Structures are given as structure tokens and as C-alpha cells.
Amino acid sequence: MKKTLQYNLKIGDHLLKLEGYLLILKNITSIIVNERMKNNIKYLELLTATVSHEMLTPLNSIMNLSKIIKNSHLDSKLNKAKLSSKEIKLYNEIILILLTF
């Protein structure tokens, strides 16, 4: 900010007109740092929400398929592969808990 200052100085019979400038400087580094931190937090929250949503969509499909497998007679065929619908459901719930935090 720049301000113009004018002074009238009388010395004896003489009148001197003085003009000067006053510069006001302010350090705004802390304000800029604070705004950048706010923006970084905002973008991190958006990124986390997007990633969580993108991971939850296929997870919901897997959970629904595991319910179908549990209610059908495919569960016995999966036991031969050493994977049961209970295990699939457990793993899905663990992933869901991790994603919702």
C-alpha cells in the first residue's frame, strides 16, 4: 500500500512544501501457508472419498455374489477350492471396515 504525505513547514518567513511517500508492507506468508494447508486438506478429503467410493462399488457386488453363493448349492463346490461363502463374507466385511474409516 502506498500513501502520499504532504507537509507544510514554515521556517521564518519561508513556507516549505514537502511531499513524501509512505509504504506499508505486511508479511502475508503465514496467511498463504494457512490457505495452502486448507486446500491440501480439502483435496485429500475429496481424494479419499473418491477412492473409497470406487472401491466400495465392486465390493458391494462381491458381497451380493457371496450371499447368492451361500443360498445356493455352489457353496459345496467352493469348499473343494478351500474357500467358503463364510470366508468370503468375512473378508468383505474386513475390507468394508477398512474402507469406511
C-alpha atoms as a PDB file:
ATOM      1  CA  MET A   1       0.000   0.000   0.000  1.00  0.00           C
ATOM      2  CA  LYS A   2       1.355   3.417  -0.939  1.00  0.00           C
ATOM      3  CA  LYS A   3       0.248   6.688   0.667  1.00  0.00           C
ATOM      4  CA  THR A   4       1.255  10.206  -0.327  1.00  0.00           C
ATOM      5  CA  LEU A   5       2.041  12.537   2.549  1.00  0.00           C
ATOM      6  CA  GLN A   6       2.198  16.328   2.275  1.00  0.00           C
ATOM      7  CA  TYR A   7       3.684  18.643   4.902  1.00  0.00           C
ATOM      8  CA  ASN A   8       3.830  22.390   5.129  1.00  0.00           C
ATOM      9  CA  LEU A   9       6.821  23.557   7.132  1.00  0.00           C
ATOM     10  CA  LYS A  10       7.267  27.223   7.986  1.00  0.00           C
ATOM     11  CA  ILE A  11      10.785  28.423   8.697  1.00  0.00           C
ATOM     12  CA  GLY A  12      10.844  32.127   9.408  1.00  0.00           C
ATOM     13  CA  ASP A  13       9.119  33.870   6.522  1.00  0.00           C
ATOM     14  CA  HIS A  14       9.508  30.904   4.205  1.00  0.00           C
ATOM     15  CA  LEU A  15       6.928  28.167   3.695  1.00  0.00           C
ATOM     16  CA  LEU A  16       8.331  24.840   2.527  1.00  0.00           C
ATOM     17  CA  LYS A  17       6.014  22.295   0.985  1.00  0.00           C
ATOM     18  CA  LEU A  18       7.290  18.769   1.500  1.00  0.00           C
ATOM     19  CA  GLU A  19       5.893  15.675  -0.137  1.00  0.00           C
ATOM     20  CA  GLY A  20       6.783  12.119   0.677  1.00  0.00           C
ATOM     21  CA  TYR A  21       5.601   8.573   0.309  1.00  0.00           C
ATOM     22  CA  LEU A  22       4.803   6.060   2.990  1.00  0.00           C
ATOM     23  CA  LEU A  23       4.933   2.402   2.043  1.00  0.00           C
ATOM     24  CA  ILE A  24       3.099  -0.056   4.246  1.00  0.00           C
ATOM     25  CA  LEU A  25       4.346  -3.614   3.918  1.00  0.00           C
ATOM     26  CA  LYS A  26       2.759  -6.661   5.501  1.00  0.00           C
ATOM     27  CA  ASN A  27       4.143 -10.179   5.670  1.00  0.00           C
ATOM     28  CA  ILE A  28       1.391 -12.456   4.361  1.00  0.00           C
ATOM     29  CA  THR A  29       3.452 -15.650   4.316  1.00  0.00           C
ATOM     30  CA  SER A  30       1.537 -17.174   7.234  1.00  0.00           C
ATOM     31  CA  ILE A  31      -1.802 -16.428   5.533  1.00  0.00           C
ATOM     32  CA  ILE A  32      -0.638 -18.096   2.306  1.00  0.00           C
ATOM     33  CA  VAL A  33       0.669 -21.146   4.186  1.00  0.00           C
ATOM     34  CA  ASN A  34      -2.624 -21.458   6.063  1.00  0.00           C
ATOM     35  CA  GLU A  35      -4.673 -21.263   2.851  1.00  0.00           C
ATOM     36  CA  ARG A  36      -2.475 -23.872   1.174  1.00  0.00           C
ATOM     37  CA  MET A  37      -2.941 -26.218   4.138  1.00  0.00           C
ATOM     38  CA  LYS A  38      -6.729 -25.768   3.946  1.00  0.00           C
ATOM     39  CA  ASN A  39      -6.669 -26.552   0.212  1.00  0.00           C
ATOM     40  CA  ASN A  40      -4.476 -29.625   0.737  1.00  0.00           C
ATOM     41  CA  ILE A  41      -6.829 -30.963   3.418  1.00  0.00           C
ATOM     42  CA  LYS A  42      -9.838 -30.338   1.151  1.00  0.00           C
ATOM     43  CA  TYR A  43      -8.257 -32.175  -1.791  1.00  0.00           C
ATOM     44  CA  LEU A  44      -7.143 -35.055   0.434  1.00  0.00           C
ATOM     45  CA  GLU A  45     -10.707 -35.473   1.725  1.00  0.00           C
ATOM     46  CA  LEU A  46     -12.052 -35.451  -1.849  1.00  0.00           C
ATOM     47  CA  LEU A  47      -9.461 -37.992  -2.960  1.00  0.00           C
ATOM     48  CA  THR A  48     -10.222 -40.278  -0.008  1.00  0.00           C
ATOM     49  CA  ALA A  49     -13.964 -40.077  -0.656  1.00  0.00           C
ATOM     50  CA  THR A  50     -13.487 -40.851  -4.359  1.00  0.00           C
ATOM     51  CA  VAL A  51     -11.164 -43.800  -3.739  1.00  0.00           C
ATOM     52  CA  SER A  52     -13.478 -45.207  -1.067  1.00  0.00           C
ATOM     53  CA  HIS A  53     -16.460 -44.947  -3.410  1.00  0.00           C
ATOM     54  CA  GLU A  54     -14.579 -46.561  -6.299  1.00  0.00           C
ATOM     55  CA  MET A  55     -13.542 -49.470  -4.054  1.00  0.00           C
ATOM     56  CA  LEU A  56     -16.959 -49.894  -2.452  1.00  0.00           C
ATOM     57  CA  THR A  57     -18.752 -50.378  -5.767  1.00  0.00           C
ATOM     58  CA  PRO A  58     -17.051 -53.679  -6.671  1.00  0.00           C
ATOM     59  CA  LEU A  59     -17.039 -54.720  -3.027  1.00  0.00           C
ATOM     60  CA  ASN A  60     -20.832 -54.474  -2.913  1.00  0.00           C
ATOM     61  CA  SER A  61     -21.007 -56.754  -5.961  1.00  0.00           C
ATOM     62  CA  ILE A  62     -18.739 -59.301  -4.300  1.00  0.00           C
ATOM     63  CA  MET A  63     -20.826 -59.216  -1.125  1.00  0.00           C
ATOM     64  CA  ASN A  64     -24.036 -59.750  -3.088  1.00  0.00           C
ATOM     65  CA  LEU A  65     -22.491 -62.651  -5.032  1.00  0.00           C
ATOM     66  CA  SER A  66     -21.317 -64.259  -1.788  1.00  0.00           C
ATOM     67  CA  LYS A  67     -24.909 -64.099  -0.472  1.00  0.00           C
ATOM     68  CA  ILE A  68     -26.127 -65.800  -3.648  1.00  0.00           C
ATOM     69  CA  ILE A  69     -23.456 -68.495  -3.310  1.00  0.00           C
ATOM     70  CA  LYS A  70     -24.377 -69.052   0.338  1.00  0.00           C
ATOM     71  CA  ASN A  71     -28.047 -69.543  -0.548  1.00  0.00           C
ATOM     72  CA  SER A  72     -27.331 -71.896  -3.445  1.00  0.00           C
ATOM     73  CA  HIS A  73     -25.644 -75.283  -3.635  1.00  0.00           C
ATOM     74  CA  LEU A  74     -22.488 -73.767  -5.114  1.00  0.00           C
ATOM     75  CA  ASP A  75     -21.073 -73.472  -1.594  1.00  0.00           C
ATOM     76  CA  SER A  76     -20.158 -77.170  -1.520  1.00  0.00           C
ATOM     77  CA  LYS A  77     -18.260 -76.817  -4.809  1.00  0.00           C
ATOM     78  CA  LEU A  78     -16.339 -73.850  -3.426  1.00  0.00           C
ATOM     79  CA  ASN A  79     -15.370 -75.859  -0.346  1.00  0.00           C
ATOM     80  CA  LYS A  80     -13.319 -78.050  -2.655  1.00  0.00           C
ATOM     81  CA  ALA A  81     -11.396 -74.896  -3.595  1.00  0.00           C
ATOM     82  CA  LYS A  82     -10.893 -74.241   0.149  1.00  0.00           C
ATOM     83  CA  LEU A  83     -12.990 -71.095   0.058  1.00  0.00           C
ATOM     84  CA  SER A  84     -16.413 -70.859   1.654  1.00  0.00           C
ATOM     85  CA  SER A  85     -19.072 -68.210   1.459  1.00  0.00           C
ATOM     86  CA  LYS A  86     -18.495 -67.502   5.167  1.00  0.00           C
ATOM     87  CA  GLU A  87     -14.859 -66.708   4.459  1.00  0.00           C
ATOM     88  CA  ILE A  88     -15.777 -64.511   1.504  1.00  0.00           C
ATOM     89  CA  LYS A  89     -18.268 -62.647   3.675  1.00  0.00           C
ATOM     90  CA  LEU A  90     -15.697 -62.239   6.458  1.00  0.00           C
ATOM     91  CA  TYR A  91     -13.051 -60.863   4.086  1.00  0.00           C
ATOM     92  CA  ASN A  92     -15.600 -58.500   2.548  1.00  0.00           C
ATOM     93  CA  GLU A  93     -16.610 -57.193   5.966  1.00  0.00           C
ATOM     94  CA  ILE A  94     -12.961 -56.614   6.901  1.00  0.00           C
ATOM     95  CA  ILE A  95     -12.361 -54.654   3.697  1.00  0.00           C
ATOM     96  CA  LEU A  96     -15.587 -52.704   4.226  1.00  0.00           C
ATOM     97  CA  ILE A  97     -14.490 -51.743   7.749  1.00  0.00           C
ATOM     98  CA  LEU A  98     -11.111 -50.600   6.447  1.00  0.00           C
ATOM     99  CA  LEU A  99     -12.687 -48.510   3.696  1.00  0.00           C
ATOM    100  CA  THR A 100     -15.187 -46.753   5.935  1.00  0.00           C
ATOM    101  CA  PHE A 101     -12.566 -45.371   8.301  1.00  0.00           C
END
